[in-house]
Amino acid sequence: MKFVLMIFHGTTPLPGTPAWDALGKEEQGRIYAEYQALNQTPGLEQGLPLGHKTAARTVTVVNGKPQVAIGPYQEGAGGFAILEADTIEQAIEVAAKVPAARLGGAVEVRPAEKYW
């Protein structure tokens, strides 16, 4: 079964920010190593990294006309991955290894389903 892991940064320190710089080089290296180790997880396919939330545009349709708002629909998703696993419990184990989950963000796990 396929699961989608949606990664939300929340208050996670991100590269290029003062919060990231405050971590120190050793901690930054550990975080990069954790993400690199995740990339080696069997059945895990990383999605493309999402751009900064300020570059996002949210489109809705009101009375048949598109409405565009600057920014994310909700507090910004930072990325996603697709995981092939037997159970949601296995997917949760992988999601718990995403550094953002312990650094101020969260990882949402959803079964991938076909609706059409």
PDB file of N, CA and C in Angstrom:
ATOM      1  N   MET A   1       0.850  -1.172   0.000  1.00  0.00           N
ATOM      2  CA  MET A   1       0.000   0.000   0.000  1.00  0.00           C
ATOM      3  C   MET A   1       0.898   1.239   0.000  1.00  0.00           C
ATOM      4  N   LYS A   2       0.448   2.270  -0.680  1.00  0.00           N
ATOM      5  CA  LYS A   2       1.209   3.521  -0.712  1.00  0.00           C
ATOM      6  C   LYS A   2       0.638   4.504   0.297  1.00  0.00           C
ATOM      7  N   PHE A   3       1.554   5.229   0.934  1.00  0.00           N
ATOM      8  CA  PHE A   3       1.197   6.269   1.885  1.00  0.00           C
ATOM      9  C   PHE A   3       1.878   7.563   1.461  1.00  0.00           C
ATOM     10  N   VAL A   4       1.191   8.667   1.662  1.00  0.00           N
ATOM     11  CA  VAL A   4       1.770   9.984   1.411  1.00  0.00           C
ATOM     12  C   VAL A   4       2.178  10.559   2.764  1.00  0.00           C
ATOM     13  N   LEU A   5       3.419  10.992   2.865  1.00  0.00           N
ATOM     14  CA  LEU A   5       3.915  11.656   4.063  1.00  0.00           C
ATOM     15  C   LEU A   5       4.022  13.142   3.739  1.00  0.00           C
ATOM     16  N   MET A   6       3.139  13.943   4.297  1.00  0.00           N
ATOM     17  CA  MET A   6       3.165  15.398   4.084  1.00  0.00           C
ATOM     18  C   MET A   6       3.977  16.013   5.227  1.00  0.00           C
ATOM     19  N   ILE A   7       5.020  16.716   4.886  1.00  0.00           N
ATOM     20  CA  ILE A   7       5.915  17.298   5.882  1.00  0.00           C
ATOM     21  C   ILE A   7       5.582  18.771   6.052  1.00  0.00           C
ATOM     22  N   PHE A   8       5.251  19.147   7.270  1.00  0.00           N
ATOM     23  CA  PHE A   8       4.948  20.531   7.614  1.00  0.00           C
ATOM     24  C   PHE A   8       6.082  21.068   8.475  1.00  0.00           C
ATOM     25  N   HIS A   9       6.646  22.178   8.070  1.00  0.00           N
ATOM     26  CA  HIS A   9       7.786  22.715   8.803  1.00  0.00           C
ATOM     27  C   HIS A   9       7.427  23.331  10.142  1.00  0.00           C
ATOM     28  N   GLY A  10       6.271  23.955  10.248  1.00  0.00           N
ATOM     29  CA  GLY A  10       5.937  24.618  11.512  1.00  0.00           C
ATOM     30  C   GLY A  10       7.036  25.596  11.891  1.00  0.00           C
ATOM     31  N   THR A  11       7.598  25.442  13.063  1.00  0.00           N
ATOM     32  CA  THR A  11       8.683  26.330  13.524  1.00  0.00           C
ATOM     33  C   THR A  11      10.062  25.700  13.326  1.00  0.00           C
ATOM     34  N   THR A  12      10.132  24.643  12.515  1.00  0.00           N
ATOM     35  CA  THR A  12      11.412  23.986  12.252  1.00  0.00           C
ATOM     36  C   THR A  12      12.407  24.994  11.685  1.00  0.00           C
ATOM     37  N   PRO A  13      13.623  25.060  12.242  1.00  0.00           N
ATOM     38  CA  PRO A  13      14.642  25.937  11.657  1.00  0.00           C
ATOM     39  C   PRO A  13      14.979  25.474  10.239  1.00  0.00           C
ATOM     40  N   LEU A  14      14.949  26.387   9.291  1.00  0.00           N
ATOM     41  CA  LEU A  14      15.220  26.060   7.894  1.00  0.00           C
ATOM     42  C   LEU A  14      16.525  26.702   7.443  1.00  0.00           C
ATOM     43  N   PRO A  15      17.277  26.003   6.574  1.00  0.00           N
ATOM     44  CA  PRO A  15      18.519  26.586   6.065  1.00  0.00           C
ATOM     45  C   PRO A  15      18.285  27.984   5.505  1.00  0.00           C
ATOM     46  N   GLY A  16      19.240  28.860   5.776  1.00  0.00           N
ATOM     47  CA  GLY A  16      19.149  30.230   5.287  1.00  0.00           C
ATOM     48  C   GLY A  16      18.414  31.171   6.227  1.00  0.00           C
ATOM     49  N   THR A  17      18.011  30.675   7.400  1.00  0.00           N
ATOM     50  CA  THR A  17      17.308  31.518   8.374  1.00  0.00           C
ATOM     51  C   THR A  17      18.170  31.692   9.621  1.00  0.00           C
ATOM     52  N   PRO A  18      17.932  32.750  10.401  1.00  0.00           N
ATOM     53  CA  PRO A  18      18.673  32.933  11.648  1.00  0.00           C
ATOM     54  C   PRO A  18      18.495  31.753  12.613  1.00  0.00           C
ATOM     55  N   ALA A  19      17.307  31.144  12.633  1.00  0.00           N
ATOM     56  CA  ALA A  19      17.077  29.995  13.521  1.00  0.00           C
ATOM     57  C   ALA A  19      17.980  28.822  13.135  1.00  0.00           C
ATOM     58  N   TRP A  20      18.179  28.629  11.837  1.00  0.00           N
ATOM     59  CA  TRP A  20      19.071  27.566  11.366  1.00  0.00           C
ATOM     60  C   TRP A  20      20.511  27.882  11.766  1.00  0.00           C
ATOM     61  N   ASP A  21      20.923  29.107  11.548  1.00  0.00           N
ATOM     62  CA  ASP A  21      22.291  29.512  11.890  1.00  0.00           C
ATOM     63  C   ASP A  21      22.566  29.348  13.383  1.00  0.00           C
ATOM     64  N   ALA A  22      21.546  29.539  14.207  1.00  0.00           N
ATOM     65  CA  ALA A  22      21.707  29.419  15.655  1.00  0.00           C
ATOM     66  C   ALA A  22      21.941  27.976  16.103  1.00  0.00           C
ATOM     67  N   LEU A  23      21.648  26.997  15.258  1.00  0.00           N
ATOM     68  CA  LEU A  23      21.825  25.600  15.636  1.00  0.00           C
ATOM     69  C   LEU A  23      23.285  25.200  15.774  1.00  0.00           C
ATOM     70  N   GLY A  24      24.141  25.812  15.020  1.00  0.00           N
ATOM     71  CA  GLY A  24      25.545  25.400  15.005  1.00  0.00           C
ATOM     72  C   GLY A  24      25.786  24.362  13.922  1.00  0.00           C
ATOM     73  N   LYS A  25      27.001  24.297  13.457  1.00  0.00           N
ATOM     74  CA  LYS A  25      27.358  23.420  12.334  1.00  0.00           C
ATOM     75  C   LYS A  25      27.170  21.939  12.656  1.00  0.00           C
ATOM     76  N   GLU A  26      27.465  21.525  13.884  1.00  0.00           N
ATOM     77  CA  GLU A  26      27.346  20.109  14.239  1.00  0.00           C
ATOM     78  C   GLU A  26      25.895  19.645  14.177  1.00  0.00           C
ATOM     79  N   GLU A  27      24.984  20.422  14.748  1.00  0.00           N
ATOM     80  CA  GLU A  27      23.562  20.056  14.725  1.00  0.00           C
ATOM     81  C   GLU A  27      23.016  20.120  13.302  1.00  0.00           C
ATOM     82  N   GLN A  28      23.430  21.131  12.535  1.00  0.00           N
ATOM     83  CA  GLN A  28      23.005  21.212  11.141  1.00  0.00           C
ATOM     84  C   GLN A  28      23.430  19.951  10.384  1.00  0.00           C
ATOM     85  N   GLY A  29      24.658  19.510  10.620  1.00  0.00           N
ATOM     86  CA  GLY A  29      25.165  18.300   9.970  1.00  0.00           C
ATOM     87  C   GLY A  29      24.363  17.067  10.357  1.00  0.00           C
ATOM     88  N   ARG A  30      23.972  16.975  11.634  1.00  0.00           N
ATOM     89  CA  ARG A  30      23.157  15.835  12.081  1.00  0.00           C
ATOM     90  C   ARG A  30      21.800  15.825  11.374  1.00  0.00           C
ATOM     91  N   ILE A  31      21.204  17.010  11.247  1.00  0.00           N
ATOM     92  CA  ILE A  31      19.888  17.088  10.594  1.00  0.00           C
ATOM     93  C   ILE A  31      19.998  16.693   9.127  1.00  0.00           C
ATOM     94  N   TYR A  32      21.015  17.198   8.434  1.00  0.00           N
ATOM     95  CA  TYR A  32      21.216  16.806   7.039  1.00  0.00           C
ATOM     96  C   TYR A  32      21.423  15.292   6.935  1.00  0.00           C
ATOM     97  N   ALA A  33      22.193  14.725   7.861  1.00  0.00           N
ATOM     98  CA  ALA A  33      22.459  13.282   7.849  1.00  0.00           C
ATOM     99  C   ALA A  33      21.168  12.487   8.084  1.00  0.00           C
ATOM    100  N   GLU A  34      20.290  12.981   8.949  1.00  0.00           N
ATOM    101  CA  GLU A  34      19.022  12.294   9.194  1.00  0.00           C
ATOM    102  C   GLU A  34      18.166  12.269   7.927  1.00  0.00           C
ATOM    103  N   TYR A  35      18.103  13.405   7.226  1.00  0.00           N
ATOM    104  CA  TYR A  35      17.335  13.430   5.972  1.00  0.00           C
ATOM    105  C   TYR A  35      17.977  12.512   4.932  1.00  0.00           C
ATOM    106  N   GLN A  36      19.303  12.505   4.879  1.00  0.00           N
ATOM    107  CA  GLN A  36      19.990  11.639   3.924  1.00  0.00           C
ATOM    108  C   GLN A  36      19.714  10.172   4.238  1.00  0.00           C
ATOM    109  N   ALA A  37      19.696   9.805   5.514  1.00  0.00           N
ATOM    110  CA  ALA A  37      19.385   8.434   5.907  1.00  0.00           C
ATOM    111  C   ALA A  37      17.950   8.066   5.511  1.00  0.00           C
ATOM    112  N   LEU A  38      17.026   9.009   5.668  1.00  0.00           N
ATOM    113  CA  LEU A  38      15.640   8.760   5.251  1.00  0.00           C
ATOM    114  C   LEU A  38      15.569   8.429   3.771  1.00  0.00           C
ATOM    115  N   ASN A  39      16.381   9.105   2.981  1.00  0.00           N
ATOM    116  CA  ASN A  39      16.373   8.863   1.535  1.00  0.00           C
ATOM    117  C   ASN A  39      16.790   7.445   1.183  1.00  0.00           C
ATOM    118  N   GLN A  40      17.423   6.739   2.102  1.00  0.00           N
ATOM    119  CA  GLN A  40      17.848   5.360   1.873  1.00  0.00           C
ATOM    120  C   GLN A  40      16.795   4.351   2.329  1.00  0.00           C
ATOM    121  N   THR A  41      15.677   4.811   2.879  1.00  0.00           N
ATOM    122  CA  THR A  41      14.631   3.928   3.377  1.00  0.00           C
ATOM    123  C   THR A  41      13.996   3.168   2.213  1.00  0.00           C
ATOM    124  N   PRO A  42      13.989   1.826   2.285  1.00  0.00           N
ATOM    125  CA  PRO A  42      13.347   1.061   1.207  1.00  0.00           C
ATOM    126  C   PRO A  42      11.872   1.449   1.065  1.00  0.00           C
ATOM    127  N   GLY A  43      11.448   1.647  -0.167  1.00  0.00           N
ATOM    128  CA  GLY A  43      10.055   1.975  -0.440  1.00  0.00           C
ATOM    129  C   GLY A  43       9.723   3.449  -0.331  1.00  0.00           C
ATOM    130  N   LEU A  44      10.700   4.286   0.030  1.00  0.00           N
ATOM    131  CA  LEU A  44      10.444   5.720   0.188  1.00  0.00           C
ATOM    132  C   LEU A  44      10.908   6.475  -1.047  1.00  0.00           C
ATOM    133  N   GLU A  45      10.004   7.229  -1.634  1.00  0.00           N
ATOM    134  CA  GLU A  45      10.314   8.053  -2.801  1.00  0.00           C
ATOM    135  C   GLU A  45      10.070   9.509  -2.424  1.00  0.00           C
ATOM    136  N   GLN A  46      11.143  10.295  -2.398  1.00  0.00           N
ATOM    137  CA  GLN A  46      11.019  11.696  -2.037  1.00  0.00           C
ATOM    138  C   GLN A  46      10.307  12.462  -3.136  1.00  0.00           C
ATOM    139  N   GLY A  47       9.395  13.339  -2.727  1.00  0.00           N
ATOM    140  CA  GLY A  47       8.769  14.251  -3.672  1.00  0.00           C
ATOM    141  C   GLY A  47       9.700  15.438  -3.885  1.00  0.00           C
ATOM    142  N   LEU A  48       9.395  16.234  -4.855  1.00  0.00           N
ATOM    143  CA  LEU A  48      10.185  17.437  -5.079  1.00  0.00           C
ATOM    144  C   LEU A  48      10.045  18.367  -3.879  1.00  0.00           C
ATOM    145  N   PRO A  49      11.116  19.054  -3.488  1.00  0.00           N
ATOM    146  CA  PRO A  49      10.976  20.002  -2.387  1.00  0.00           C
ATOM    147  C   PRO A  49      10.073  21.159  -2.820  1.00  0.00           C
ATOM    148  N   LEU A  50       9.223  21.577  -1.923  1.00  0.00           N
ATOM    149  CA  LEU A  50       8.311  22.674  -2.240  1.00  0.00           C
ATOM    150  C   LEU A  50       9.022  23.995  -1.996  1.00  0.00           C
ATOM    151  N   GLY A  51       8.725  24.977  -2.825  1.00  0.00           N
ATOM    152  CA  GLY A  51       9.317  26.299  -2.657  1.00  0.00           C
ATOM    153  C   GLY A  51       8.819  26.972  -1.385  1.00  0.00           C
ATOM    154  N   HIS A  52       9.387  28.114  -1.095  1.00  0.00           N
ATOM    155  CA  HIS A  52       9.029  28.863   0.109  1.00  0.00           C
ATOM    156  C   HIS A  52       7.553  29.240   0.072  1.00  0.00           C
ATOM    157  N   LYS A  53       6.925  29.238   1.244  1.00  0.00           N
ATOM    158  CA  LYS A  53       5.480  29.487   1.301  1.00  0.00           C
ATOM    159  C   LYS A  53       5.100  30.872   0.788  1.00  0.00           C
ATOM    160  N   THR A  54       6.010  31.829   0.819  1.00  0.00           N
ATOM    161  CA  THR A  54       5.682  33.159   0.294  1.00  0.00           C
ATOM    162  C   THR A  54       5.552  33.146  -1.226  1.00  0.00           C
ATOM    163  N   ALA A  55       6.077  32.115  -1.875  1.00  0.00           N
ATOM    164  CA  ALA A  55       5.954  31.999  -3.332  1.00  0.00           C
ATOM    165  C   ALA A  55       4.667  31.285  -3.735  1.00  0.00           C
ATOM    166  N   ALA A  56       3.959  30.728  -2.762  1.00  0.00           N
ATOM    167  CA  ALA A  56       2.738  29.974  -3.052  1.00  0.00           C
ATOM    168  C   ALA A  56       1.590  30.902  -3.437  1.00  0.00           C
ATOM    169  N   ARG A  57       0.687  30.385  -4.240  1.00  0.00           N
ATOM    170  CA  ARG A  57      -0.555  31.056  -4.578  1.00  0.00           C
ATOM    171  C   ARG A  57      -1.677  30.050  -4.346  1.00  0.00           C
ATOM    172  N   THR A  58      -2.706  30.482  -3.668  1.00  0.00           N
ATOM    173  CA  THR A  58      -3.847  29.621  -3.385  1.00  0.00           C
ATOM    174  C   THR A  58      -5.007  30.035  -4.285  1.00  0.00           C
ATOM    175  N   VAL A  59      -5.513  29.076  -5.034  1.00  0.00           N
ATOM    176  CA  VAL A  59      -6.577  29.356  -6.001  1.00  0.00           C
ATOM    177  C   VAL A  59      -7.885  28.734  -5.498  1.00  0.00           C
ATOM    178  N   THR A  60      -8.900  29.547  -5.447  1.00  0.00           N
ATOM    179  CA  THR A  60     -10.261  29.078  -5.182  1.00  0.00           C
ATOM    180  C   THR A  60     -11.134  29.616  -6.302  1.00  0.00           C
ATOM    181  N   VAL A  61     -12.323  29.082  -6.424  1.00  0.00           N
ATOM    182  CA  VAL A  61     -13.258  29.567  -7.436  1.00  0.00           C
ATOM    183  C   VAL A  61     -14.515  30.020  -6.712  1.00  0.00           C
ATOM    184  N   VAL A  62     -14.872  31.290  -6.920  1.00  0.00           N
ATOM    185  CA  VAL A  62     -16.055  31.881  -6.302  1.00  0.00           C
ATOM    186  C   VAL A  62     -16.948  32.399  -7.426  1.00  0.00           C
ATOM    187  N   ASN A  63     -18.186  31.935  -7.449  1.00  0.00           N
ATOM    188  CA  ASN A  63     -19.132  32.325  -8.498  1.00  0.00           C
ATOM    189  C   ASN A  63     -18.556  32.113  -9.890  1.00  0.00           C
ATOM    190  N   GLY A  64     -17.841  30.991 -10.050  1.00  0.00           N
ATOM    191  CA  GLY A  64     -17.302  30.636 -11.357  1.00  0.00           C
ATOM    192  C   GLY A  64     -16.032  31.374 -11.743  1.00  0.00           C
ATOM    193  N   LYS A  65     -15.507  32.238 -10.868  1.00  0.00           N
ATOM    194  CA  LYS A  65     -14.312  33.006 -11.198  1.00  0.00           C
ATOM    195  C   LYS A  65     -13.165  32.633 -10.254  1.00  0.00           C
ATOM    196  N   PRO A  66     -11.967  32.425 -10.837  1.00  0.00           N
ATOM    197  CA  PRO A  66     -10.831  32.100  -9.989  1.00  0.00           C
ATOM    198  C   PRO A  66     -10.445  33.283  -9.099  1.00  0.00           C
ATOM    199  N   GLN A  67     -10.172  32.969  -7.855  1.00  0.00           N
ATOM    200  CA  GLN A  67      -9.677  33.947  -6.888  1.00  0.00           C
ATOM    201  C   GLN A  67      -8.287  33.476  -6.465  1.00  0.00           C
ATOM    202  N   VAL A  68      -7.324  34.369  -6.474  1.00  0.00           N
ATOM    203  CA  VAL A  68      -5.955  33.990  -6.153  1.00  0.00           C
ATOM    204  C   VAL A  68      -5.501  34.767  -4.922  1.00  0.00           C
ATOM    205  N   ALA A  69      -5.045  34.034  -3.924  1.00  0.00           N
ATOM    206  CA  ALA A  69      -4.501  34.645  -2.712  1.00  0.00           C
ATOM    207  C   ALA A  69      -3.018  34.324  -2.648  1.00  0.00           C
ATOM    208  N   ILE A  70      -2.222  35.259  -2.172  1.00  0.00           N
ATOM    209  CA  ILE A  70      -0.793  35.043  -2.016  1.00  0.00           C
ATOM    210  C   ILE A  70      -0.559  34.246  -0.737  1.00  0.00           C
ATOM    211  N   GLY A  71       0.212  33.181  -0.863  1.00  0.00           N
ATOM    212  CA  GLY A  71       0.548  32.353   0.287  1.00  0.00           C
ATOM    213  C   GLY A  71      -0.097  30.984   0.214  1.00  0.00           C
ATOM    214  N   PRO A  72       0.258  30.121   1.178  1.00  0.00           N
ATOM    215  CA  PRO A  72      -0.273  28.761   1.184  1.00  0.00           C
ATOM    216  C   PRO A  72      -1.718  28.723   1.643  1.00  0.00           C
ATOM    217  N   TYR A  73      -2.403  27.652   1.309  1.00  0.00           N
ATOM    218  CA  TYR A  73      -3.791  27.462   1.728  1.00  0.00           C
ATOM    219  C   TYR A  73      -3.877  27.409   3.242  1.00  0.00           C
ATOM    220  N   GLN A  74      -3.022  26.614   3.833  1.00  0.00           N
ATOM    221  CA  GLN A  74      -2.901  26.530   5.282  1.00  0.00           C
ATOM    222  C   GLN A  74      -1.426  26.635   5.601  1.00  0.00           C
ATOM    223  N   GLU A  75      -1.089  26.668   6.862  1.00  0.00           N
ATOM    224  CA  GLU A  75       0.330  26.831   7.225  1.00  0.00           C
ATOM    225  C   GLU A  75       1.160  25.796   6.510  1.00  0.00           C
ATOM    226  N   GLY A  76       2.123  26.282   5.818  1.00  0.00           N
ATOM    227  CA  GLY A  76       2.865  25.654   4.764  1.00  0.00           C
ATOM    228  C   GLY A  76       3.397  24.254   4.884  1.00  0.00           C
ATOM    229  N   ALA A  77       2.958  23.448   3.947  1.00  0.00           N
ATOM    230  CA  ALA A  77       3.595  22.158   3.740  1.00  0.00           C
ATOM    231  C   ALA A  77       4.987  22.425   3.193  1.00  0.00           C
ATOM    232  N   GLY A  78       5.969  21.697   3.685  1.00  0.00           N
ATOM    233  CA  GLY A  78       7.339  21.897   3.245  1.00  0.00           C
ATOM    234  C   GLY A  78       7.787  20.872   2.232  1.00  0.00           C
ATOM    235  N   GLY A  79       7.096  19.758   2.157  1.00  0.00           N
ATOM    236  CA  GLY A  79       7.473  18.730   1.211  1.00  0.00           C
ATOM    237  C   GLY A  79       6.605  17.502   1.404  1.00  0.00           C
ATOM    238  N   PHE A  80       6.907  16.484   0.624  1.00  0.00           N
ATOM    239  CA  PHE A  80       6.147  15.247   0.732  1.00  0.00           C
ATOM    240  C   PHE A  80       7.011  14.103   0.250  1.00  0.00           C
ATOM    241  N   ALA A  81       6.596  12.904   0.597  1.00  0.00           N
ATOM    242  CA  ALA A  81       7.238  11.691   0.113  1.00  0.00           C
ATOM    243  C   ALA A  81       6.149  10.642  -0.067  1.00  0.00           C
ATOM    244  N   ILE A  82       6.441   9.669  -0.908  1.00  0.00           N
ATOM    245  CA  ILE A  82       5.541   8.544  -1.109  1.00  0.00           C
ATOM    246  C   ILE A  82       6.254   7.318  -0.547  1.00  0.00           C
ATOM    247  N   LEU A  83       5.552   6.574   0.296  1.00  0.00           N
ATOM    248  CA  LEU A  83       6.143   5.403   0.932  1.00  0.00           C
ATOM    249  C   LEU A  83       5.322   4.167   0.614  1.00  0.00           C
ATOM    250  N   GLU A  84       5.986   3.132   0.176  1.00  0.00           N
ATOM    251  CA  GLU A  84       5.354   1.828  -0.009  1.00  0.00           C
ATOM    252  C   GLU A  84       5.596   1.051   1.281  1.00  0.00           C
ATOM    253  N   ALA A  85       4.510   0.728   1.987  1.00  0.00           N
ATOM    254  CA  ALA A  85       4.602  -0.005   3.248  1.00  0.00           C
ATOM    255  C   ALA A  85       3.394  -0.920   3.386  1.00  0.00           C
ATOM    256  N   ASP A  86       3.533  -1.911   4.234  1.00  0.00           N
ATOM    257  CA  ASP A  86       2.443  -2.863   4.429  1.00  0.00           C
ATOM    258  C   ASP A  86       1.330  -2.310   5.305  1.00  0.00           C
ATOM    259  N   THR A  87       1.690  -1.472   6.286  1.00  0.00           N
ATOM    260  CA  THR A  87       0.705  -0.975   7.246  1.00  0.00           C
ATOM    261  C   THR A  87       0.935   0.499   7.535  1.00  0.00           C
ATOM    262  N   ILE A  88      -0.101   1.134   8.049  1.00  0.00           N
ATOM    263  CA  ILE A  88       0.045   2.539   8.446  1.00  0.00           C
ATOM    264  C   ILE A  88       1.019   2.663   9.624  1.00  0.00           C
ATOM    265  N   GLU A  89       1.104   1.639  10.452  1.00  0.00           N
ATOM    266  CA  GLU A  89       2.056   1.671  11.568  1.00  0.00           C
ATOM    267  C   GLU A  89       3.497   1.753  11.061  1.00  0.00           C
ATOM    268  N   GLN A  90       3.785   1.041   9.977  1.00  0.00           N
ATOM    269  CA  GLN A  90       5.118   1.124   9.379  1.00  0.00           C
ATOM    270  C   GLN A  90       5.362   2.526   8.816  1.00  0.00           C
ATOM    271  N   ALA A  91       4.349   3.098   8.207  1.00  0.00           N
ATOM    272  CA  ALA A  91       4.469   4.457   7.674  1.00  0.00           C
ATOM    273  C   ALA A  91       4.713   5.457   8.802  1.00  0.00           C
ATOM    274  N   ILE A  92       4.042   5.258   9.928  1.00  0.00           N
ATOM    275  CA  ILE A  92       4.225   6.149  11.080  1.00  0.00           C
ATOM    276  C   ILE A  92       5.652   6.045  11.607  1.00  0.00           C
ATOM    277  N   GLU A  93       6.211   4.839  11.618  1.00  0.00           N
ATOM    278  CA  GLU A  93       7.600   4.664  12.063  1.00  0.00           C
ATOM    279  C   GLU A  93       8.555   5.486  11.202  1.00  0.00           C
ATOM    280  N   VAL A  94       8.332   5.472   9.892  1.00  0.00           N
ATOM    281  CA  VAL A  94       9.185   6.261   8.988  1.00  0.00           C
ATOM    282  C   VAL A  94       8.937   7.746   9.209  1.00  0.00           C
ATOM    283  N   ALA A  95       7.688   8.152   9.331  1.00  0.00           N
ATOM    284  CA  ALA A  95       7.361   9.566   9.533  1.00  0.00           C
ATOM    285  C   ALA A  95       8.018  10.107  10.797  1.00  0.00           C
ATOM    286  N   ALA A  96       8.122   9.287  11.825  1.00  0.00           N
ATOM    287  CA  ALA A  96       8.723   9.724  13.079  1.00  0.00           C
ATOM    288  C   ALA A  96      10.217   9.998  12.945  1.00  0.00           C
ATOM    289  N   LYS A  97      10.836   9.534  11.870  1.00  0.00           N
ATOM    290  CA  LYS A  97      12.262   9.771  11.638  1.00  0.00           C
ATOM    291  C   LYS A  97      12.529  11.081  10.905  1.00  0.00           C
ATOM    292  N   VAL A  98      11.494  11.740  10.414  1.00  0.00           N
ATOM    293  CA  VAL A  98      11.666  13.014   9.708  1.00  0.00           C
ATOM    294  C   VAL A  98      12.047  14.077  10.744  1.00  0.00           C
ATOM    295  N   PRO A  99      13.212  14.715  10.605  1.00  0.00           N
ATOM    296  CA  PRO A  99      13.634  15.689  11.604  1.00  0.00           C
ATOM    297  C   PRO A  99      12.612  16.780  11.891  1.00  0.00           C
ATOM    298  N   ALA A 100      11.869  17.226  10.885  1.00  0.00           N
ATOM    299  CA  ALA A 100      10.878  18.285  11.105  1.00  0.00           C
ATOM    300  C   ALA A 100       9.864  17.888  12.172  1.00  0.00           C
ATOM    301  N   ALA A 101       9.601  16.587  12.325  1.00  0.00           N
ATOM    302  CA  ALA A 101       8.614  16.123  13.299  1.00  0.00           C
ATOM    303  C   ALA A 101       9.039  16.411  14.731  1.00  0.00           C
ATOM    304  N   ARG A 102      10.357  16.535  14.980  1.00  0.00           N
ATOM    305  CA  ARG A 102      10.836  16.827  16.336  1.00  0.00           C
ATOM    306  C   ARG A 102      11.370  18.247  16.493  1.00  0.00           C
ATOM    307  N   LEU A 103      11.443  18.969  15.390  1.00  0.00           N
ATOM    308  CA  LEU A 103      12.035  20.313  15.429  1.00  0.00           C
ATOM    309  C   LEU A 103      11.006  21.429  15.316  1.00  0.00           C
ATOM    310  N   GLY A 104       9.743  21.132  15.576  1.00  0.00           N
ATOM    311  CA  GLY A 104       8.713  22.167  15.535  1.00  0.00           C
ATOM    312  C   GLY A 104       7.680  21.993  14.447  1.00  0.00           C
ATOM    313  N   GLY A 105       7.811  20.955  13.654  1.00  0.00           N
ATOM    314  CA  GLY A 105       6.853  20.701  12.589  1.00  0.00           C
ATOM    315  C   GLY A 105       6.077  19.427  12.850  1.00  0.00           C
ATOM    316  N   ALA A 106       5.591  18.816  11.787  1.00  0.00           N
ATOM    317  CA  ALA A 106       4.808  17.587  11.902  1.00  0.00           C
ATOM    318  C   ALA A 106       4.845  16.867  10.566  1.00  0.00           C
ATOM    319  N   VAL A 107       4.495  15.594  10.593  1.00  0.00           N
ATOM    320  CA  VAL A 107       4.368  14.810   9.371  1.00  0.00           C
ATOM    321  C   VAL A 107       2.989  14.159   9.391  1.00  0.00           C
ATOM    322  N   GLU A 108       2.206  14.457   8.379  1.00  0.00           N
ATOM    323  CA  GLU A 108       0.872  13.858   8.240  1.00  0.00           C
ATOM    324  C   GLU A 108       1.001  12.629   7.351  1.00  0.00           C
ATOM    325  N   VAL A 109       0.447  11.512   7.797  1.00  0.00           N
ATOM    326  CA  VAL A 109       0.496  10.261   7.049  1.00  0.00           C
ATOM    327  C   VAL A 109      -0.911   9.949   6.547  1.00  0.00           C
ATOM    328  N   ARG A 110      -1.022   9.742   5.233  1.00  0.00           N
ATOM    329  CA  ARG A 110      -2.323   9.387   4.648  1.00  0.00           C
ATOM    330  C   ARG A 110      -2.146   8.235   3.672  1.00  0.00           C
ATOM    331  N   PRO A 111      -3.074   7.289   3.699  1.00  0.00           N
ATOM    332  CA  PRO A 111      -3.055   6.269   2.649  1.00  0.00           C
ATOM    333  C   PRO A 111      -3.343   6.940   1.300  1.00  0.00           C
ATOM    334  N   ALA A 112      -2.636   6.538   0.277  1.00  0.00           N
ATOM    335  CA  ALA A 112      -2.920   7.039  -1.062  1.00  0.00           C
ATOM    336  C   ALA A 112      -4.087   6.238  -1.618  1.00  0.00           C
ATOM    337  N   GLU A 113      -5.088   6.921  -2.108  1.00  0.00           N
ATOM    338  CA  GLU A 113      -6.277   6.252  -2.626  1.00  0.00           C
ATOM    339  C   GLU A 113      -6.610   6.798  -3.999  1.00  0.00           C
ATOM    340  N   LYS A 114      -7.237   5.956  -4.794  1.00  0.00           N
ATOM    341  CA  LYS A 114      -7.667   6.373  -6.116  1.00  0.00           C
ATOM    342  C   LYS A 114      -9.156   6.677  -6.050  1.00  0.00           C
ATOM    343  N   TYR A 115      -9.518   7.875  -6.418  1.00  0.00           N
ATOM    344  CA  TYR A 115     -10.921   8.304  -6.345  1.00  0.00           C
ATOM    345  C   TYR A 115     -11.593   8.310  -7.695  1.00  0.00           C
ATOM    346  N   TRP A 116     -10.858   8.258  -8.772  1.00  0.00           N
ATOM    347  CA  TRP A 116     -11.467   8.340 -10.099  1.00  0.00           C
ATOM    348  C   TRP A 116     -10.849   7.326 -11.004  1.00  0.00           C
TER     349      TRP A 116
END
